[in-house]
N, C-alpha and C. Protein backbone atom coordinates (compact mmCIF):
# COMPACT_ATOMS: atom_id res chain seq x y z
N UNK A 1 15.28 14.69 -8.58
CA UNK A 1 15.32 14.73 -10.04
C UNK A 1 14.09 15.44 -10.57
N UNK A 2 14.28 16.56 -11.25
CA UNK A 2 13.17 17.29 -11.84
C UNK A 2 12.95 16.82 -13.28
N UNK A 3 11.69 16.61 -13.63
CA UNK A 3 11.37 16.08 -14.94
C UNK A 3 10.92 17.17 -15.89
N UNK A 4 11.45 17.11 -17.10
CA UNK A 4 10.95 17.87 -18.24
C UNK A 4 10.36 16.85 -19.20
N UNK A 5 9.04 16.88 -19.33
CA UNK A 5 8.30 15.77 -19.93
C UNK A 5 7.65 16.16 -21.25
N UNK A 6 7.74 15.27 -22.23
CA UNK A 6 6.91 15.35 -23.44
C UNK A 6 5.75 14.38 -23.26
N UNK A 7 4.53 14.84 -23.52
CA UNK A 7 3.34 13.99 -23.44
C UNK A 7 2.62 14.01 -24.78
N UNK A 8 2.30 12.84 -25.29
CA UNK A 8 1.45 12.74 -26.48
C UNK A 8 0.10 12.14 -26.08
N UNK A 9 -0.91 12.42 -26.87
CA UNK A 9 -2.23 11.84 -26.62
C UNK A 9 -3.02 12.52 -25.53
N UNK A 10 -2.69 13.77 -25.19
CA UNK A 10 -3.34 14.45 -24.07
C UNK A 10 -4.77 14.88 -24.37
N UNK A 11 -5.21 14.74 -25.62
CA UNK A 11 -6.61 15.04 -25.93
C UNK A 11 -7.50 13.82 -25.73
N UNK A 12 -6.89 12.68 -25.33
CA UNK A 12 -7.64 11.47 -25.00
C UNK A 12 -7.72 11.29 -23.50
N UNK A 13 -8.51 10.31 -23.06
CA UNK A 13 -8.74 10.12 -21.63
C UNK A 13 -7.46 9.79 -20.87
N UNK A 14 -6.68 8.84 -21.38
CA UNK A 14 -5.47 8.42 -20.68
C UNK A 14 -4.43 9.54 -20.66
N UNK A 15 -4.20 10.13 -21.82
CA UNK A 15 -3.20 11.20 -21.89
C UNK A 15 -3.57 12.40 -21.04
N UNK A 16 -4.85 12.75 -21.02
CA UNK A 16 -5.29 13.87 -20.18
C UNK A 16 -5.08 13.55 -18.71
N UNK A 17 -5.36 12.31 -18.32
CA UNK A 17 -5.16 11.93 -16.93
C UNK A 17 -3.70 11.95 -16.52
N UNK A 18 -2.82 11.48 -17.42
CA UNK A 18 -1.38 11.51 -17.15
C UNK A 18 -0.89 12.96 -17.07
N UNK A 19 -1.36 13.80 -17.99
CA UNK A 19 -1.00 15.21 -17.96
C UNK A 19 -1.44 15.85 -16.63
N UNK A 20 -2.64 15.52 -16.19
CA UNK A 20 -3.16 16.07 -14.93
C UNK A 20 -2.23 15.74 -13.76
N UNK A 21 -1.74 14.50 -13.72
CA UNK A 21 -0.82 14.12 -12.64
C UNK A 21 0.52 14.83 -12.76
N UNK A 22 0.97 15.03 -13.97
CA UNK A 22 2.24 15.75 -14.18
C UNK A 22 2.14 17.20 -13.71
N UNK A 23 1.04 17.85 -14.01
CA UNK A 23 0.87 19.25 -13.62
C UNK A 23 0.72 19.40 -12.12
N UNK A 24 0.23 18.34 -11.45
CA UNK A 24 0.08 18.37 -9.99
C UNK A 24 1.38 18.01 -9.27
N UNK A 25 2.30 17.37 -9.96
CA UNK A 25 3.47 16.79 -9.30
C UNK A 25 4.61 17.80 -9.14
N UNK A 26 5.18 17.85 -7.95
CA UNK A 26 6.35 18.70 -7.71
C UNK A 26 7.59 18.16 -8.42
N UNK A 27 7.55 16.88 -8.81
CA UNK A 27 8.70 16.29 -9.49
C UNK A 27 8.80 16.74 -10.94
N UNK A 28 7.71 17.29 -11.48
CA UNK A 28 7.68 17.69 -12.89
C UNK A 28 7.84 19.20 -12.99
N UNK A 29 8.88 19.61 -13.69
CA UNK A 29 9.19 21.04 -13.81
C UNK A 29 8.50 21.68 -14.99
N UNK A 30 8.51 20.99 -16.14
CA UNK A 30 7.82 21.53 -17.31
C UNK A 30 7.31 20.40 -18.19
N UNK A 31 6.26 20.71 -18.94
CA UNK A 31 5.61 19.72 -19.79
C UNK A 31 5.41 20.29 -21.18
N UNK A 32 5.79 19.51 -22.18
CA UNK A 32 5.48 19.83 -23.56
C UNK A 32 4.41 18.86 -24.03
N UNK A 33 3.23 19.38 -24.36
CA UNK A 33 2.15 18.55 -24.90
C UNK A 33 2.21 18.65 -26.42
N UNK A 34 2.29 17.50 -27.05
CA UNK A 34 2.38 17.44 -28.51
C UNK A 34 1.18 16.67 -29.03
N UNK A 35 0.34 17.33 -29.85
CA UNK A 35 -0.86 16.66 -30.34
C UNK A 35 -1.35 17.24 -31.64
N UNK A 36 -2.35 16.56 -32.19
CA UNK A 36 -2.95 17.01 -33.44
C UNK A 36 -4.02 18.08 -33.21
N UNK A 37 -4.60 18.08 -32.01
CA UNK A 37 -5.61 19.08 -31.68
C UNK A 37 -5.39 19.54 -30.25
N UNK A 38 -5.92 20.71 -29.87
CA UNK A 38 -5.71 21.23 -28.51
C UNK A 38 -6.19 20.25 -27.46
N UNK A 39 -5.44 20.15 -26.36
CA UNK A 39 -5.82 19.22 -25.29
C UNK A 39 -6.86 19.83 -24.35
N UNK A 40 -7.04 21.15 -24.41
CA UNK A 40 -8.04 21.80 -23.58
C UNK A 40 -7.57 22.18 -22.20
N UNK A 41 -6.26 22.08 -21.96
CA UNK A 41 -5.70 22.41 -20.65
C UNK A 41 -4.67 23.52 -20.80
N UNK A 42 -4.63 24.42 -19.86
CA UNK A 42 -3.58 25.43 -19.79
C UNK A 42 -2.98 25.41 -18.39
N UNK A 43 -1.69 25.72 -18.30
CA UNK A 43 -1.01 25.69 -17.01
C UNK A 43 0.32 26.42 -17.17
N UNK A 44 0.80 27.10 -16.12
CA UNK A 44 2.06 27.86 -16.24
C UNK A 44 3.26 27.02 -16.63
N UNK A 45 3.30 25.74 -16.24
CA UNK A 45 4.48 24.95 -16.59
C UNK A 45 4.27 24.07 -17.82
N UNK A 46 3.21 24.38 -18.58
CA UNK A 46 2.89 23.59 -19.77
C UNK A 46 3.00 24.41 -21.05
N UNK A 47 3.57 23.77 -22.08
CA UNK A 47 3.59 24.35 -23.43
C UNK A 47 2.95 23.33 -24.36
N UNK A 48 2.27 23.81 -25.39
CA UNK A 48 1.59 22.90 -26.31
C UNK A 48 2.01 23.20 -27.74
N UNK A 49 2.30 22.14 -28.49
CA UNK A 49 2.60 22.24 -29.92
C UNK A 49 1.57 21.42 -30.68
N UNK A 50 0.90 22.02 -31.63
CA UNK A 50 -0.04 21.30 -32.48
C UNK A 50 0.66 20.91 -33.77
N UNK A 51 0.57 19.64 -34.09
CA UNK A 51 1.26 19.13 -35.28
C UNK A 51 0.41 18.02 -35.89
N UNK A 52 0.07 18.16 -37.16
CA UNK A 52 -0.91 17.27 -37.78
C UNK A 52 -0.34 15.90 -38.14
N UNK A 53 0.93 15.83 -38.51
CA UNK A 53 1.49 14.60 -39.08
C UNK A 53 2.62 14.06 -38.21
N UNK A 54 2.33 13.03 -37.42
CA UNK A 54 3.35 12.44 -36.55
C UNK A 54 4.32 11.55 -37.33
N UNK A 55 4.04 11.33 -38.61
CA UNK A 55 4.98 10.60 -39.46
C UNK A 55 6.04 11.54 -40.04
N UNK A 56 5.84 12.84 -39.89
CA UNK A 56 6.81 13.83 -40.36
C UNK A 56 7.02 14.86 -39.25
N UNK A 57 8.02 14.62 -38.43
CA UNK A 57 8.30 15.49 -37.29
C UNK A 57 9.36 16.54 -37.59
N UNK A 58 9.88 16.54 -38.83
CA UNK A 58 10.96 17.47 -39.18
C UNK A 58 10.62 18.93 -38.88
N UNK A 59 9.39 19.40 -39.16
CA UNK A 59 9.11 20.82 -38.91
C UNK A 59 9.19 21.23 -37.45
N UNK A 60 9.05 20.29 -36.52
CA UNK A 60 9.07 20.65 -35.09
C UNK A 60 10.22 19.98 -34.34
N UNK A 61 11.08 19.27 -35.05
CA UNK A 61 12.12 18.47 -34.39
C UNK A 61 13.01 19.30 -33.47
N UNK A 62 13.32 20.52 -33.88
CA UNK A 62 14.21 21.36 -33.09
C UNK A 62 13.61 21.72 -31.73
N UNK A 63 12.29 21.62 -31.60
CA UNK A 63 11.62 21.96 -30.34
C UNK A 63 11.48 20.77 -29.39
N UNK A 64 12.01 19.61 -29.80
CA UNK A 64 11.83 18.40 -29.00
C UNK A 64 13.05 18.06 -28.15
N UNK A 65 14.04 18.94 -28.11
CA UNK A 65 15.23 18.67 -27.32
C UNK A 65 15.12 19.31 -25.93
N UNK A 66 15.90 18.79 -24.98
CA UNK A 66 15.92 19.34 -23.64
C UNK A 66 14.96 18.66 -22.68
N UNK A 67 14.51 17.44 -23.01
CA UNK A 67 13.55 16.72 -22.18
C UNK A 67 14.16 15.41 -21.69
N UNK A 68 13.83 15.02 -20.47
CA UNK A 68 14.39 13.79 -19.92
C UNK A 68 13.36 12.70 -19.70
N UNK A 69 12.11 12.93 -20.13
CA UNK A 69 11.07 11.91 -20.05
C UNK A 69 10.06 12.12 -21.15
N UNK A 70 9.51 11.01 -21.64
CA UNK A 70 8.40 11.07 -22.59
C UNK A 70 7.34 10.09 -22.14
N UNK A 71 6.11 10.57 -22.02
CA UNK A 71 4.97 9.72 -21.68
C UNK A 71 4.12 9.60 -22.94
N UNK A 72 4.28 8.49 -23.65
CA UNK A 72 3.64 8.31 -24.94
C UNK A 72 2.28 7.65 -24.73
N UNK A 73 1.22 8.47 -24.76
CA UNK A 73 -0.14 8.02 -24.48
C UNK A 73 -1.01 8.00 -25.73
N UNK A 74 -0.41 8.21 -26.87
CA UNK A 74 -1.15 8.24 -28.13
C UNK A 74 -1.45 6.81 -28.57
N UNK A 75 -2.67 6.56 -28.99
CA UNK A 75 -3.01 5.22 -29.46
C UNK A 75 -4.37 5.19 -30.13
N UNK A 76 -4.63 4.10 -30.85
CA UNK A 76 -5.91 3.92 -31.53
C UNK A 76 -6.49 2.56 -31.15
N UNK A 77 -7.80 2.44 -31.25
CA UNK A 77 -8.46 1.16 -31.03
C UNK A 77 -8.28 0.28 -32.27
N UNK A 78 -8.16 -1.02 -32.04
CA UNK A 78 -8.02 -1.95 -33.17
C UNK A 78 -9.38 -2.39 -33.72
N UNK A 79 -10.47 -1.96 -33.08
CA UNK A 79 -11.81 -2.40 -33.49
C UNK A 79 -12.08 -1.98 -34.94
N UNK A 80 -12.41 -2.95 -35.78
CA UNK A 80 -12.73 -2.67 -37.17
C UNK A 80 -11.54 -2.36 -38.06
N UNK A 81 -10.35 -2.56 -37.56
CA UNK A 81 -9.15 -2.19 -38.30
C UNK A 81 -8.38 -3.43 -38.73
N UNK A 82 -7.87 -3.43 -39.95
CA UNK A 82 -7.04 -4.52 -40.43
C UNK A 82 -5.61 -4.38 -39.89
N UNK A 83 -4.89 -5.49 -39.85
CA UNK A 83 -3.56 -5.48 -39.23
C UNK A 83 -2.58 -4.49 -39.86
N UNK A 84 -2.50 -4.38 -41.20
CA UNK A 84 -1.53 -3.42 -41.76
C UNK A 84 -1.75 -1.98 -41.29
N UNK A 85 -3.01 -1.54 -41.25
CA UNK A 85 -3.28 -0.17 -40.83
C UNK A 85 -3.07 0.00 -39.33
N UNK A 86 -3.48 -1.00 -38.55
CA UNK A 86 -3.27 -0.91 -37.11
C UNK A 86 -1.77 -0.90 -36.80
N UNK A 87 -1.00 -1.69 -37.53
CA UNK A 87 0.45 -1.70 -37.35
C UNK A 87 1.05 -0.35 -37.68
N UNK A 88 0.57 0.26 -38.76
CA UNK A 88 1.09 1.56 -39.17
C UNK A 88 0.82 2.62 -38.10
N UNK A 89 -0.39 2.62 -37.54
CA UNK A 89 -0.78 3.65 -36.58
C UNK A 89 -0.31 3.36 -35.16
N UNK A 90 0.12 2.15 -34.91
CA UNK A 90 0.58 1.77 -33.57
C UNK A 90 2.09 1.58 -33.54
N UNK A 91 2.60 0.61 -34.27
CA UNK A 91 4.03 0.34 -34.25
C UNK A 91 4.84 1.37 -35.03
N UNK A 92 4.50 1.58 -36.30
CA UNK A 92 5.30 2.45 -37.17
C UNK A 92 5.34 3.88 -36.64
N UNK A 93 4.18 4.42 -36.27
CA UNK A 93 4.12 5.79 -35.78
C UNK A 93 4.90 5.94 -34.47
N UNK A 94 4.68 5.02 -33.55
CA UNK A 94 5.36 5.11 -32.25
C UNK A 94 6.87 5.03 -32.42
N UNK A 95 7.34 4.11 -33.26
CA UNK A 95 8.78 3.95 -33.46
C UNK A 95 9.38 5.18 -34.13
N UNK A 96 8.66 5.76 -35.08
CA UNK A 96 9.18 6.97 -35.73
C UNK A 96 9.33 8.09 -34.72
N UNK A 97 8.33 8.25 -33.86
CA UNK A 97 8.39 9.29 -32.85
C UNK A 97 9.54 9.03 -31.88
N UNK A 98 9.64 7.80 -31.40
CA UNK A 98 10.68 7.45 -30.44
C UNK A 98 12.08 7.62 -31.03
N UNK A 99 12.26 7.18 -32.25
CA UNK A 99 13.57 7.30 -32.90
C UNK A 99 13.95 8.76 -33.08
N UNK A 100 12.97 9.62 -33.26
CA UNK A 100 13.25 11.06 -33.41
C UNK A 100 13.66 11.67 -32.08
N UNK A 101 12.88 11.43 -31.02
CA UNK A 101 13.17 12.10 -29.75
C UNK A 101 14.45 11.58 -29.09
N UNK A 102 14.79 10.31 -29.33
CA UNK A 102 16.01 9.79 -28.71
C UNK A 102 17.26 10.41 -29.33
N UNK A 103 17.17 10.83 -30.57
CA UNK A 103 18.33 11.51 -31.20
C UNK A 103 18.63 12.82 -30.51
N UNK A 104 17.59 13.50 -30.05
CA UNK A 104 17.77 14.80 -29.40
C UNK A 104 17.93 14.68 -27.88
N UNK A 105 17.51 13.55 -27.32
CA UNK A 105 17.48 13.40 -25.86
C UNK A 105 17.99 12.02 -25.46
N UNK A 106 19.28 11.75 -25.58
CA UNK A 106 19.80 10.41 -25.27
C UNK A 106 19.66 10.02 -23.81
N UNK A 107 19.46 10.98 -22.92
CA UNK A 107 19.27 10.68 -21.50
C UNK A 107 17.79 10.56 -21.12
N UNK A 108 16.94 10.43 -22.11
CA UNK A 108 15.50 10.39 -21.88
C UNK A 108 15.05 9.01 -21.44
N UNK A 109 14.06 8.96 -20.54
CA UNK A 109 13.32 7.75 -20.21
C UNK A 109 11.99 7.79 -20.95
N UNK A 110 11.71 6.72 -21.70
CA UNK A 110 10.52 6.66 -22.55
C UNK A 110 9.51 5.72 -21.92
N UNK A 111 8.31 6.23 -21.65
CA UNK A 111 7.23 5.44 -21.05
C UNK A 111 6.10 5.29 -22.06
N UNK A 112 5.79 4.04 -22.38
CA UNK A 112 4.82 3.73 -23.43
C UNK A 112 3.57 3.11 -22.83
N UNK A 113 2.40 3.65 -23.19
CA UNK A 113 1.14 3.06 -22.76
C UNK A 113 0.78 1.94 -23.71
N UNK A 114 0.84 0.72 -23.22
CA UNK A 114 0.52 -0.47 -23.98
C UNK A 114 -0.87 -0.95 -23.55
N UNK A 115 -1.00 -2.16 -23.06
CA UNK A 115 -2.30 -2.63 -22.60
C UNK A 115 -2.21 -4.00 -21.97
N UNK A 116 -3.09 -4.28 -21.03
CA UNK A 116 -3.13 -5.60 -20.41
C UNK A 116 -3.41 -6.65 -21.48
N UNK A 117 -2.67 -7.74 -21.44
CA UNK A 117 -2.84 -8.80 -22.42
C UNK A 117 -1.93 -8.68 -23.62
N UNK A 118 -1.05 -7.68 -23.64
CA UNK A 118 -0.10 -7.53 -24.73
C UNK A 118 0.78 -8.78 -24.85
N UNK A 119 1.09 -9.16 -26.09
CA UNK A 119 1.79 -10.41 -26.38
C UNK A 119 3.26 -10.15 -26.68
N UNK A 120 4.11 -10.39 -25.69
CA UNK A 120 5.55 -10.15 -25.87
C UNK A 120 6.19 -11.10 -26.86
N UNK A 121 5.56 -12.25 -27.10
CA UNK A 121 6.13 -13.22 -28.06
C UNK A 121 5.90 -12.80 -29.50
N UNK A 122 4.91 -11.91 -29.73
CA UNK A 122 4.52 -11.43 -31.06
C UNK A 122 3.94 -12.55 -31.93
N UNK A 123 3.53 -13.67 -31.31
CA UNK A 123 3.09 -14.83 -32.09
C UNK A 123 1.68 -15.30 -31.75
N UNK A 124 1.00 -14.61 -30.87
CA UNK A 124 -0.32 -15.04 -30.44
C UNK A 124 -1.41 -14.82 -31.48
N UNK A 125 -2.62 -15.25 -31.16
CA UNK A 125 -3.74 -15.15 -32.10
C UNK A 125 -4.33 -13.75 -32.16
N UNK A 126 -4.15 -12.96 -31.10
CA UNK A 126 -4.75 -11.63 -31.05
C UNK A 126 -3.89 -10.62 -31.80
N UNK A 127 -4.47 -10.03 -32.85
CA UNK A 127 -3.71 -9.11 -33.70
C UNK A 127 -3.19 -7.92 -32.91
N UNK A 128 -4.06 -7.25 -32.15
CA UNK A 128 -3.64 -6.04 -31.46
C UNK A 128 -2.54 -6.37 -30.45
N UNK A 129 -2.65 -7.54 -29.78
CA UNK A 129 -1.67 -7.91 -28.77
C UNK A 129 -0.31 -8.19 -29.39
N UNK A 130 -0.29 -8.78 -30.57
CA UNK A 130 0.98 -9.00 -31.28
C UNK A 130 1.64 -7.69 -31.65
N UNK A 131 0.83 -6.77 -32.19
CA UNK A 131 1.38 -5.49 -32.64
C UNK A 131 1.90 -4.69 -31.45
N UNK A 132 1.14 -4.66 -30.38
CA UNK A 132 1.60 -3.96 -29.16
C UNK A 132 2.87 -4.61 -28.62
N UNK A 133 2.93 -5.94 -28.66
CA UNK A 133 4.11 -6.64 -28.19
C UNK A 133 5.34 -6.29 -29.01
N UNK A 134 5.18 -6.23 -30.32
CA UNK A 134 6.31 -5.85 -31.17
C UNK A 134 6.75 -4.42 -30.89
N UNK A 135 5.78 -3.56 -30.65
CA UNK A 135 6.10 -2.16 -30.34
C UNK A 135 6.90 -2.08 -29.04
N UNK A 136 6.44 -2.76 -28.01
CA UNK A 136 7.19 -2.79 -26.75
C UNK A 136 8.61 -3.29 -26.97
N UNK A 137 8.73 -4.43 -27.66
CA UNK A 137 10.04 -5.04 -27.86
C UNK A 137 10.99 -4.14 -28.63
N UNK A 138 10.48 -3.49 -29.66
CA UNK A 138 11.35 -2.64 -30.49
C UNK A 138 11.72 -1.35 -29.76
N UNK A 139 10.82 -0.82 -28.94
CA UNK A 139 11.17 0.35 -28.14
C UNK A 139 12.33 0.05 -27.20
N UNK A 140 12.34 -1.14 -26.62
CA UNK A 140 13.39 -1.50 -25.66
C UNK A 140 14.76 -1.69 -26.32
N UNK A 141 14.79 -1.72 -27.65
CA UNK A 141 16.06 -1.83 -28.37
C UNK A 141 16.68 -0.46 -28.66
N UNK A 142 15.91 0.61 -28.48
CA UNK A 142 16.40 1.95 -28.78
C UNK A 142 17.32 2.44 -27.66
N UNK A 143 18.22 3.38 -27.98
CA UNK A 143 19.23 3.81 -27.00
C UNK A 143 18.76 4.87 -26.01
N UNK A 144 17.56 4.69 -25.47
CA UNK A 144 17.09 5.55 -24.39
C UNK A 144 17.84 5.21 -23.10
N UNK A 145 17.81 6.11 -22.15
CA UNK A 145 18.33 5.80 -20.82
C UNK A 145 17.58 4.61 -20.25
N UNK A 146 16.25 4.61 -20.43
CA UNK A 146 15.40 3.51 -19.97
C UNK A 146 14.10 3.55 -20.74
N UNK A 147 13.50 2.38 -20.95
CA UNK A 147 12.17 2.27 -21.54
C UNK A 147 11.29 1.47 -20.59
N UNK A 148 10.10 2.01 -20.30
CA UNK A 148 9.12 1.31 -19.48
C UNK A 148 7.83 1.18 -20.28
N UNK A 149 7.30 -0.04 -20.34
CA UNK A 149 6.04 -0.30 -21.02
C UNK A 149 4.96 -0.55 -19.97
N UNK A 150 3.93 0.28 -19.99
CA UNK A 150 2.84 0.20 -19.01
C UNK A 150 1.64 -0.51 -19.63
N UNK A 151 1.10 -1.49 -18.89
CA UNK A 151 -0.01 -2.28 -19.39
C UNK A 151 -1.25 -2.11 -18.51
N UNK A 152 -1.95 -0.99 -18.63
CA UNK A 152 -3.16 -0.80 -17.82
C UNK A 152 -4.28 -1.72 -18.27
N UNK A 153 -5.14 -2.07 -17.32
CA UNK A 153 -6.36 -2.79 -17.64
C UNK A 153 -7.52 -1.82 -17.60
N UNK A 154 -8.56 -2.17 -16.86
CA UNK A 154 -9.68 -1.24 -16.67
C UNK A 154 -9.18 -0.02 -15.89
N UNK A 155 -9.63 1.15 -16.29
CA UNK A 155 -9.18 2.38 -15.66
C UNK A 155 -10.37 3.16 -15.11
N UNK A 156 -10.25 3.55 -13.85
CA UNK A 156 -11.24 4.48 -13.29
C UNK A 156 -10.77 5.89 -13.58
N UNK A 157 -11.57 6.69 -14.28
CA UNK A 157 -11.12 8.03 -14.67
C UNK A 157 -11.00 8.98 -13.48
N UNK A 158 -10.30 10.07 -13.71
CA UNK A 158 -10.16 11.11 -12.70
C UNK A 158 -11.33 12.08 -12.81
N UNK A 159 -11.98 12.34 -11.71
CA UNK A 159 -13.14 13.24 -11.71
C UNK A 159 -12.75 14.64 -12.19
N UNK A 160 -13.63 15.23 -12.98
CA UNK A 160 -13.45 16.62 -13.39
C UNK A 160 -12.70 16.84 -14.67
N UNK A 161 -12.18 15.78 -15.28
CA UNK A 161 -11.44 15.95 -16.53
C UNK A 161 -12.40 15.93 -17.72
N UNK A 162 -11.91 16.43 -18.85
CA UNK A 162 -12.80 16.70 -19.99
C UNK A 162 -12.99 15.52 -20.93
N UNK A 163 -12.00 14.64 -21.01
CA UNK A 163 -12.00 13.65 -22.09
C UNK A 163 -12.31 12.24 -21.62
N UNK A 164 -13.04 12.12 -20.53
CA UNK A 164 -13.45 10.80 -20.05
C UNK A 164 -14.37 10.15 -21.08
N UNK A 165 -14.13 8.88 -21.39
CA UNK A 165 -14.96 8.18 -22.36
C UNK A 165 -16.41 8.16 -21.89
N UNK A 166 -17.32 8.34 -22.83
CA UNK A 166 -18.72 8.55 -22.48
C UNK A 166 -19.33 7.38 -21.72
N UNK A 167 -18.88 6.14 -22.01
CA UNK A 167 -19.53 5.01 -21.35
C UNK A 167 -19.26 4.97 -19.85
N UNK A 168 -18.22 5.69 -19.39
CA UNK A 168 -17.97 5.74 -17.96
C UNK A 168 -19.09 6.45 -17.21
N UNK A 169 -19.82 7.32 -17.91
CA UNK A 169 -20.92 8.01 -17.27
C UNK A 169 -22.02 7.03 -16.86
N UNK A 170 -22.09 5.91 -17.59
CA UNK A 170 -23.16 4.94 -17.35
C UNK A 170 -22.65 3.66 -16.68
N UNK A 171 -21.39 3.31 -16.93
CA UNK A 171 -20.87 2.03 -16.44
C UNK A 171 -19.70 2.20 -15.46
N UNK A 172 -19.41 3.42 -15.06
CA UNK A 172 -18.31 3.65 -14.13
C UNK A 172 -18.50 2.89 -12.83
N UNK A 173 -19.75 2.81 -12.37
CA UNK A 173 -20.05 2.08 -11.13
C UNK A 173 -19.69 0.61 -11.27
N UNK A 174 -19.91 0.05 -12.49
CA UNK A 174 -19.61 -1.36 -12.72
C UNK A 174 -18.10 -1.60 -12.70
N UNK A 175 -17.36 -0.72 -13.36
CA UNK A 175 -15.90 -0.84 -13.36
C UNK A 175 -15.37 -0.74 -11.93
N UNK A 176 -15.90 0.22 -11.19
CA UNK A 176 -15.46 0.40 -9.80
C UNK A 176 -15.75 -0.86 -8.97
N UNK A 177 -16.89 -1.47 -9.20
CA UNK A 177 -17.23 -2.69 -8.47
C UNK A 177 -16.31 -3.84 -8.82
N UNK A 178 -16.00 -3.99 -10.11
CA UNK A 178 -15.10 -5.06 -10.55
C UNK A 178 -13.71 -4.89 -9.93
N UNK A 179 -13.23 -3.66 -9.91
CA UNK A 179 -11.89 -3.42 -9.36
C UNK A 179 -11.87 -3.60 -7.85
N UNK A 180 -12.99 -3.37 -7.21
CA UNK A 180 -13.05 -3.61 -5.76
C UNK A 180 -12.93 -5.11 -5.47
N UNK A 181 -13.58 -5.92 -6.30
CA UNK A 181 -13.55 -7.37 -6.10
C UNK A 181 -12.23 -7.98 -6.57
N UNK A 182 -11.75 -7.53 -7.76
CA UNK A 182 -10.50 -8.07 -8.33
C UNK A 182 -9.59 -6.90 -8.69
N UNK A 183 -8.83 -6.38 -7.73
CA UNK A 183 -8.01 -5.19 -7.97
C UNK A 183 -6.98 -5.35 -9.08
N UNK A 184 -6.55 -6.58 -9.34
CA UNK A 184 -5.50 -6.79 -10.35
C UNK A 184 -5.98 -6.52 -11.77
N UNK A 185 -7.32 -6.38 -11.95
CA UNK A 185 -7.85 -6.15 -13.30
C UNK A 185 -7.72 -4.70 -13.74
N UNK A 186 -7.41 -3.79 -12.84
CA UNK A 186 -7.33 -2.40 -13.25
C UNK A 186 -6.86 -1.50 -12.13
N UNK A 187 -6.94 -0.20 -12.40
CA UNK A 187 -6.43 0.81 -11.47
C UNK A 187 -7.16 2.11 -11.72
N UNK A 188 -6.82 3.10 -10.93
CA UNK A 188 -7.29 4.45 -11.25
C UNK A 188 -6.34 5.07 -12.28
N UNK A 189 -6.85 6.02 -13.01
CA UNK A 189 -6.03 6.75 -13.95
C UNK A 189 -4.94 7.53 -13.22
N UNK A 190 -5.26 8.00 -12.02
CA UNK A 190 -4.26 8.70 -11.21
C UNK A 190 -3.09 7.80 -10.86
N UNK A 191 -3.36 6.53 -10.52
CA UNK A 191 -2.28 5.58 -10.21
C UNK A 191 -1.39 5.35 -11.42
N UNK A 192 -1.99 5.30 -12.60
CA UNK A 192 -1.19 5.13 -13.81
C UNK A 192 -0.25 6.31 -14.01
N UNK A 193 -0.78 7.53 -13.94
CA UNK A 193 0.04 8.72 -14.11
C UNK A 193 1.12 8.84 -13.06
N UNK A 194 0.76 8.59 -11.81
CA UNK A 194 1.74 8.68 -10.73
C UNK A 194 2.79 7.58 -10.85
N UNK A 195 2.37 6.39 -11.29
CA UNK A 195 3.31 5.31 -11.49
C UNK A 195 4.33 5.62 -12.57
N UNK A 196 3.91 6.31 -13.62
CA UNK A 196 4.83 6.71 -14.68
C UNK A 196 5.86 7.70 -14.16
N UNK A 197 5.39 8.67 -13.40
CA UNK A 197 6.31 9.66 -12.84
C UNK A 197 7.32 8.99 -11.91
N UNK A 198 6.83 8.08 -11.04
CA UNK A 198 7.71 7.41 -10.09
C UNK A 198 8.70 6.48 -10.81
N UNK A 199 8.28 5.86 -11.91
CA UNK A 199 9.20 4.99 -12.64
C UNK A 199 10.41 5.77 -13.12
N UNK A 200 10.17 7.00 -13.59
CA UNK A 200 11.28 7.82 -14.09
C UNK A 200 12.13 8.35 -12.94
N UNK A 201 11.50 8.82 -11.90
CA UNK A 201 12.26 9.45 -10.81
C UNK A 201 12.94 8.45 -9.89
N UNK A 202 12.29 7.30 -9.65
CA UNK A 202 12.83 6.32 -8.71
C UNK A 202 13.46 5.12 -9.40
N UNK A 203 13.06 4.87 -10.65
CA UNK A 203 13.49 3.66 -11.33
C UNK A 203 12.62 2.48 -10.94
N UNK A 204 12.67 1.42 -11.76
CA UNK A 204 11.92 0.21 -11.46
C UNK A 204 12.65 -0.98 -12.05
N UNK A 205 12.53 -2.14 -11.39
CA UNK A 205 13.32 -3.30 -11.79
C UNK A 205 12.81 -3.98 -13.04
N UNK A 206 11.55 -3.72 -13.41
CA UNK A 206 10.98 -4.32 -14.62
C UNK A 206 10.79 -3.26 -15.69
N UNK A 207 10.90 -3.68 -16.95
CA UNK A 207 10.61 -2.76 -18.05
C UNK A 207 9.18 -2.88 -18.54
N UNK A 208 8.52 -3.98 -18.19
CA UNK A 208 7.11 -4.15 -18.49
C UNK A 208 6.35 -4.11 -17.18
N UNK A 209 5.48 -3.12 -17.01
CA UNK A 209 4.76 -2.92 -15.75
C UNK A 209 3.29 -3.26 -15.92
N UNK A 210 2.87 -4.31 -15.21
CA UNK A 210 1.46 -4.66 -15.15
C UNK A 210 0.79 -3.77 -14.10
N UNK A 211 -0.53 -3.95 -13.94
CA UNK A 211 -1.30 -3.11 -13.02
C UNK A 211 -0.70 -3.11 -11.62
N UNK A 212 -0.40 -4.28 -11.09
CA UNK A 212 0.10 -4.36 -9.71
C UNK A 212 1.44 -3.64 -9.57
N UNK A 213 2.22 -3.60 -10.66
CA UNK A 213 3.52 -2.93 -10.60
C UNK A 213 3.36 -1.42 -10.49
N UNK A 214 2.62 -0.82 -11.43
CA UNK A 214 2.57 0.65 -11.39
C UNK A 214 1.64 1.17 -10.32
N UNK A 215 0.62 0.39 -9.94
CA UNK A 215 -0.24 0.82 -8.83
C UNK A 215 0.55 0.83 -7.52
N UNK A 216 1.41 -0.17 -7.34
CA UNK A 216 2.27 -0.19 -6.16
C UNK A 216 3.32 0.89 -6.19
N UNK A 217 3.87 1.11 -7.36
CA UNK A 217 4.90 2.15 -7.52
C UNK A 217 4.32 3.53 -7.22
N UNK A 218 3.06 3.75 -7.58
CA UNK A 218 2.43 5.05 -7.33
C UNK A 218 2.33 5.37 -5.87
N UNK A 219 2.32 4.35 -5.02
CA UNK A 219 2.17 4.56 -3.58
C UNK A 219 3.50 4.82 -2.87
N UNK A 220 4.62 4.69 -3.57
CA UNK A 220 5.92 4.89 -2.93
C UNK A 220 6.15 6.35 -2.60
């Protein structure tokens, strides 16, 4: 199965890492990167569309057809943000994008980057976890071929990429040490990207993938 993939969020650390794995993978035939600013990567099998407003996809909608996978890596931190705005930028934006692409690609598998600790009940005390949980739940109601929600924890970045968060330069050794002692707390960014590709090509029995799920899937 050859993948034609749409990737969002490739100008961030996670999205860039997932894009890197897609460009390296023989299973991926072509990639459309959709973002607000250039991702900084060029490759023969990659095309990039810059679009400022993800709440209005009408101007580019015709270019979103012909894809069988979407790796949605776009996201914002909840730090300092009130629930209505975080909901708008997390749940509302993601659902609008997903509802648009599924109209053009009913055979698409949609992979959403969520987070460890996400609250599937939508009733917990943590605001971000409730919002992420609602986003996961509502995505699984859409008529995609399949929806997979990935919940990464701590991530070890891929060497040589441009958008690694600055604190990894100083604390990467600490993250690496924690993951060596307690592997279930996180994974490498490469394992996340490879796990997403394998979920689409091989399938997986769960729709919500914790670290142990996608890290194991990456090794298949």
